[in-house]
């Protein structure tokens, strides 16, 4: 089900791209969430339930690290490829972690949950279905926490990379938008708190950085095609080299000296369903 008026660049068609094994196999190249994020999420657990619902879990970047802190994490994702990758990553077989294959709109749940989380995933979902569903699944006083990573690097690097993505990205309808504002304006979410976490160091090699870019929908190898991928990679590598030469980015022992921050926003989803 597609939410009316939802930005087209976050359509269900684009969301389905994350079922592509070529995206899933490099998703682990994304920088990890700062430890502060995981600690904060643990502190947001409501009294009375130690179960977490992680929506759009992907490879379990949040779920695998929360599992040791709680009694159960239900990691829900529609991509079998992502899930298989996640099971093989550190913490992917933790006894408190339950992988649930299915869309957040309809996957089987086992409420009540003392916390729901969504790490860089809520924008892909049918908001007017998922938010009320989460509201019904939460324990009294529990919240939904949404997390976004920021790792684009110094502004000068971002300016060099932007025209490369504009030339090669298969996503042609992107426009800037604010997820929390979109949800709030629709009456689907009431924010009660937010925190910026980090920065913490992120030190990928150039090859790892390029792979990280291919974990994004706009860098999908499948949807770019092999010729565009080769040209895209070459230009990204040159942009990084130029940034290292002029001092915008430092490279030390073969690793780029970058940083990652994250923003956590939490609150109550709407209780009434429009479905």
Protein backbone atom coordinates (compact mmCIF):
# COMPACT_ATOMS: atom_id res chain seq x y z
CA UNK A 1 0.00 0.00 0.00
CA UNK A 2 1.38 3.42 -0.97
CA UNK A 3 0.67 6.46 1.15
CA UNK A 4 -1.08 9.23 -0.82
CA UNK A 5 1.12 12.24 -1.28
CA UNK A 6 4.30 10.52 -0.17
CA UNK A 7 7.42 11.82 -1.99
CA UNK A 8 7.89 9.80 -5.18
CA UNK A 9 11.60 9.20 -4.55
CA UNK A 10 10.60 7.05 -1.57
CA UNK A 11 8.08 4.92 -3.42
CA UNK A 12 7.53 1.20 -2.85
CA UNK A 13 9.25 0.56 -6.20
CA UNK A 14 12.46 2.16 -4.98
CA UNK A 15 12.17 0.40 -1.60
CA UNK A 16 12.15 -2.94 -3.41
CA UNK A 17 15.64 -2.21 -4.78
CA UNK A 18 17.03 -3.12 -1.36
CA UNK A 19 16.09 -6.74 -2.03
CA UNK A 20 18.85 -6.72 -4.64
CA UNK A 21 21.77 -8.96 -3.54
CA UNK A 22 24.26 -6.49 -5.06
CA UNK A 23 23.11 -3.82 -2.60
CA UNK A 24 22.83 -6.24 0.31
CA UNK A 25 26.35 -7.63 -0.11
CA UNK A 26 27.97 -4.21 0.37
CA UNK A 27 25.57 -2.81 2.96
CA UNK A 28 28.00 -3.70 5.76
CA UNK A 29 30.37 -1.09 4.32
CA UNK A 30 28.20 1.68 5.73
CA UNK A 31 29.72 3.27 8.84
CA UNK A 32 28.41 1.81 12.11
CA UNK A 33 26.07 3.85 14.25
CA UNK A 34 27.96 5.60 17.07
CA UNK A 35 27.95 3.66 20.35
CA UNK A 36 26.06 6.59 21.86
CA UNK A 37 23.09 5.76 19.62
CA UNK A 38 22.83 2.21 20.90
CA UNK A 39 23.16 3.34 24.52
CA UNK A 40 20.47 5.98 24.00
CA UNK A 41 18.09 3.47 22.42
CA UNK A 42 18.58 1.12 25.36
CA UNK A 43 17.74 3.95 27.76
CA UNK A 44 14.46 4.65 25.94
CA UNK A 45 12.99 1.24 26.78
CA UNK A 46 9.66 1.55 28.59
CA UNK A 47 8.98 -0.16 31.90
CA UNK A 48 7.27 -3.53 31.70
CA UNK A 49 8.57 -4.85 28.38
CA UNK A 50 12.13 -5.67 27.33
CA UNK A 51 11.20 -6.51 23.73
CA UNK A 52 12.19 -4.27 20.80
CA UNK A 53 10.59 -4.02 17.36
CA UNK A 54 13.18 -2.99 14.75
CA UNK A 55 11.46 -1.92 11.54
CA UNK A 56 13.28 -2.19 8.22
CA UNK A 57 16.16 -3.86 10.03
CA UNK A 58 18.21 -4.53 6.88
CA UNK A 59 21.40 -6.29 7.92
CA UNK A 60 20.64 -5.53 11.57
CA UNK A 61 22.87 -2.50 12.10
CA UNK A 62 20.66 -1.55 15.07
CA UNK A 63 19.14 -4.91 15.98
CA UNK A 64 22.41 -6.87 16.29
CA UNK A 65 23.84 -4.35 18.74
CA UNK A 66 20.65 -3.95 20.78
CA UNK A 67 20.10 -7.68 21.23
CA UNK A 68 22.55 -8.13 24.14
CA UNK A 69 20.86 -5.27 26.03
CA UNK A 70 17.28 -6.55 25.94
CA UNK A 71 15.25 -9.75 26.18
CA UNK A 72 14.23 -9.87 22.51
CA UNK A 73 14.64 -7.92 19.29
CA UNK A 74 12.24 -8.67 16.44
CA UNK A 75 14.18 -7.53 13.36
CA UNK A 76 11.65 -7.07 10.57
CA UNK A 77 12.74 -6.61 6.95
CA UNK A 78 11.29 -7.39 3.53
CA UNK A 79 14.67 -8.28 1.98
CA UNK A 80 15.81 -11.88 2.30
CA UNK A 81 19.19 -10.84 0.87
CA UNK A 82 19.69 -8.25 3.61
CA UNK A 83 18.64 -10.73 6.28
CA UNK A 84 21.04 -13.41 5.10
CA UNK A 85 23.90 -10.91 5.13
CA UNK A 86 22.93 -9.79 8.62
CA UNK A 87 22.88 -13.31 10.01
CA UNK A 88 26.53 -13.69 9.03
CA UNK A 89 27.68 -10.41 10.61
CA UNK A 90 28.82 -10.01 14.25
CA UNK A 91 25.85 -10.55 16.55
CA UNK A 92 23.66 -11.89 13.76
CA UNK A 93 23.08 -15.18 15.58
CA UNK A 94 22.52 -13.70 19.06
CA UNK A 95 19.91 -15.72 20.98
CA UNK A 96 17.89 -12.56 21.74
CA UNK A 97 17.61 -11.67 18.05
CA UNK A 98 14.65 -12.94 16.02
CA UNK A 99 14.76 -12.25 12.28
CA UNK A 100 11.29 -11.72 10.77
CA UNK A 101 11.05 -11.72 6.97
CA UNK A 102 8.20 -9.52 5.81
CA UNK A 103 7.05 -5.96 5.20
CA UNK A 104 6.55 -3.73 8.22
CA UNK A 105 2.95 -3.21 7.09
CA UNK A 106 2.03 -6.88 7.54
CA UNK A 107 4.80 -8.96 9.17
CA UNK A 108 3.73 -11.02 12.21
CA UNK A 109 4.43 -9.21 15.48
CA UNK A 110 4.54 -10.28 19.13
CA UNK A 111 3.59 -7.21 21.18
CA UNK A 112 3.81 -5.49 23.53
CA UNK A 113 7.14 -3.84 22.70
CA UNK A 114 8.98 -1.56 25.10
CA UNK A 115 10.59 0.24 22.15
CA UNK A 116 10.26 0.40 18.37
CA UNK A 117 13.21 1.49 16.24
CA UNK A 118 13.69 2.42 12.59
CA UNK A 119 17.23 2.94 11.37
CA UNK A 120 17.17 4.78 8.03
CA UNK A 121 14.06 2.85 7.00
CA UNK A 122 10.81 4.63 7.88
CA UNK A 123 10.90 6.70 4.67
CA UNK A 124 10.37 3.48 2.66
CA UNK A 125 7.18 2.42 4.44
CA UNK A 126 3.47 3.16 4.01
CA UNK A 127 3.34 5.67 6.82
CA UNK A 128 -0.44 5.71 7.36
CA UNK A 129 -0.37 1.93 7.82
CA UNK A 130 2.87 1.41 9.73
CA UNK A 131 2.67 4.25 12.27
CA UNK A 132 -0.77 3.27 13.64
CA UNK A 133 0.30 -0.39 13.61
CA UNK A 134 3.37 0.43 15.70
CA UNK A 135 1.22 2.50 18.08
CA UNK A 136 -0.98 -0.54 18.73
CA UNK A 137 2.06 -2.76 19.28
CA UNK A 138 3.83 -0.53 21.81
CA UNK A 139 3.56 -1.01 25.56
CA UNK A 140 2.11 1.90 27.57
CA UNK A 141 4.63 4.73 27.63
CA UNK A 142 6.84 3.19 24.92
CA UNK A 143 8.15 5.22 22.00
CA UNK A 144 9.23 4.86 18.40
CA UNK A 145 12.83 6.02 17.83
CA UNK A 146 14.01 6.84 14.30
CA UNK A 147 17.73 7.06 13.54
CA UNK A 148 19.59 8.62 10.63
CA UNK A 149 23.34 8.48 9.97
CA UNK A 150 25.30 11.36 8.46
CA UNK A 151 28.59 10.50 6.77
CA UNK A 152 28.93 12.67 3.67
CA UNK A 153 32.17 14.17 4.95
CA UNK A 154 33.37 17.78 4.66
CA UNK A 155 31.17 20.15 2.61
CA UNK A 156 33.87 20.50 -0.05
CA UNK A 157 33.85 16.75 -0.63
CA UNK A 158 30.07 16.77 -0.80
CA UNK A 159 30.16 19.47 -3.49
CA UNK A 160 32.55 17.33 -5.54
CA UNK A 161 30.42 14.23 -5.20
CA UNK A 162 27.02 15.79 -5.91
CA UNK A 163 27.47 16.31 -9.67
CA UNK A 164 28.80 12.74 -9.99
CA UNK A 165 25.59 11.38 -8.47
CA UNK A 166 23.55 13.72 -10.65
CA UNK A 167 25.22 12.26 -13.74
CA UNK A 168 25.00 8.57 -12.87
CA UNK A 169 22.28 7.99 -10.27
CA UNK A 170 19.30 6.01 -11.57
CA UNK A 171 17.07 8.00 -9.18
CA UNK A 172 15.94 11.02 -11.14
CA UNK A 173 13.16 12.42 -8.92
CA UNK A 174 14.95 13.05 -5.62
CA UNK A 175 14.12 16.21 -3.70
CA UNK A 176 15.23 17.30 -0.21
CA UNK A 177 12.68 16.67 2.51
CA UNK A 178 12.45 16.18 6.28
CA UNK A 179 10.97 12.86 7.41
CA UNK A 180 9.91 14.00 10.87
CA UNK A 181 8.20 17.11 9.47
CA UNK A 182 6.38 14.97 6.91
CA UNK A 183 5.11 12.54 9.57
CA UNK A 184 4.17 15.32 11.99
CA UNK A 185 2.28 17.31 9.35
CA UNK A 186 0.20 14.22 8.58
CA UNK A 187 -0.67 13.74 12.26
CA UNK A 188 1.13 10.39 12.31
CA UNK A 189 3.88 11.14 14.84
CA UNK A 190 4.41 13.39 17.87
CA UNK A 191 8.07 14.04 18.67
CA UNK A 192 9.05 14.01 22.34
CA UNK A 193 12.82 14.17 22.07
CA UNK A 194 15.88 14.15 19.84
CA UNK A 195 19.65 13.91 20.17
CA UNK A 196 22.62 14.24 17.85
CA UNK A 197 25.24 11.57 18.52
CA UNK A 198 28.90 11.75 17.52
CA UNK A 199 30.95 12.54 15.60
CA UNK A 200 33.01 9.37 15.82
CA UNK A 201 35.84 8.34 13.46
CA UNK A 202 35.11 6.39 10.30
CA UNK A 203 38.18 5.19 8.41
CA UNK A 204 37.33 3.27 5.25
CA UNK A 205 39.76 2.51 2.47
CA UNK A 206 38.94 4.13 -0.87
CA UNK A 207 37.60 0.78 -2.12
CA UNK A 208 35.40 0.41 0.96
CA UNK A 209 34.12 3.95 0.52
CA UNK A 210 33.14 3.24 -3.08
CA UNK A 211 31.37 0.03 -2.01
CA UNK A 212 29.53 2.01 0.66
CA UNK A 213 28.20 4.34 -2.04
CA UNK A 214 26.88 1.29 -3.91
CA UNK A 215 24.89 0.31 -0.80
CA UNK A 216 22.70 3.34 -1.47
CA UNK A 217 19.72 3.27 -3.76
CA UNK A 218 21.26 6.07 -5.85
CA UNK A 219 24.38 3.95 -6.31
CA UNK A 220 22.65 0.68 -7.19
CA UNK A 221 24.94 -1.28 -9.50
CA UNK A 222 22.00 -3.20 -10.94
CA UNK A 223 20.09 -0.08 -11.91
CA UNK A 224 23.12 1.89 -13.11
CA UNK A 225 24.43 -0.76 -15.49
CA UNK A 226 28.03 -1.91 -15.82
CA UNK A 227 29.32 0.95 -18.03
CA UNK A 228 27.89 3.65 -15.76
CA UNK A 229 29.21 1.83 -12.68
CA UNK A 230 32.76 1.86 -14.05
CA UNK A 231 32.57 5.58 -14.88
CA UNK A 232 30.94 6.40 -11.54
CA UNK A 233 33.61 4.51 -9.59
CA UNK A 234 36.42 6.24 -11.47
CA UNK A 235 34.99 9.69 -10.81
CA UNK A 236 34.37 8.97 -7.12
CA UNK A 237 37.93 7.75 -6.74
CA UNK A 238 39.29 10.85 -8.47
CA UNK A 239 37.13 13.13 -6.28
CA UNK A 240 38.55 11.44 -3.19
CA UNK A 241 42.11 11.73 -4.53
CA UNK A 242 41.62 15.43 -5.28
CA UNK A 243 40.22 15.96 -1.78
CA UNK A 244 43.25 14.26 -0.27
CA UNK A 245 45.63 16.34 -2.39
CA UNK A 246 44.13 19.65 -1.33
CA UNK A 247 43.79 18.65 2.33
CA UNK A 248 39.99 18.47 2.42
CA UNK A 249 40.26 14.81 3.48
CA UNK A 250 43.20 13.19 5.19
CA UNK A 251 44.38 9.73 4.16
CA UNK A 252 46.51 7.89 6.69
CA UNK A 253 47.97 4.40 6.24
CA UNK A 254 45.68 3.82 3.28
CA UNK A 255 42.52 4.86 5.14
CA UNK A 256 40.39 7.97 4.74
CA UNK A 257 39.97 9.93 7.97
CA UNK A 258 36.24 10.64 8.00
CA UNK A 259 33.54 10.79 10.66
CA UNK A 260 29.95 9.69 11.22
CA UNK A 261 27.24 11.32 13.27
CA UNK A 262 23.65 10.25 13.84
CA UNK A 263 20.38 11.88 14.84
CA UNK A 264 17.86 10.02 16.98
CA UNK A 265 14.29 11.33 17.13
CA UNK A 266 11.74 9.63 19.35
CA UNK A 267 8.07 10.05 20.15
CA UNK A 268 4.62 8.52 19.91
CA UNK A 269 3.14 7.29 16.62
CA UNK A 270 -0.54 7.97 15.89
CA UNK A 271 -2.93 5.42 17.41
CA UNK A 272 -5.73 5.68 14.87
CA UNK A 273 -5.43 3.83 11.55
CA UNK A 274 -6.58 5.32 8.27
CA UNK A 275 -6.35 1.89 6.61
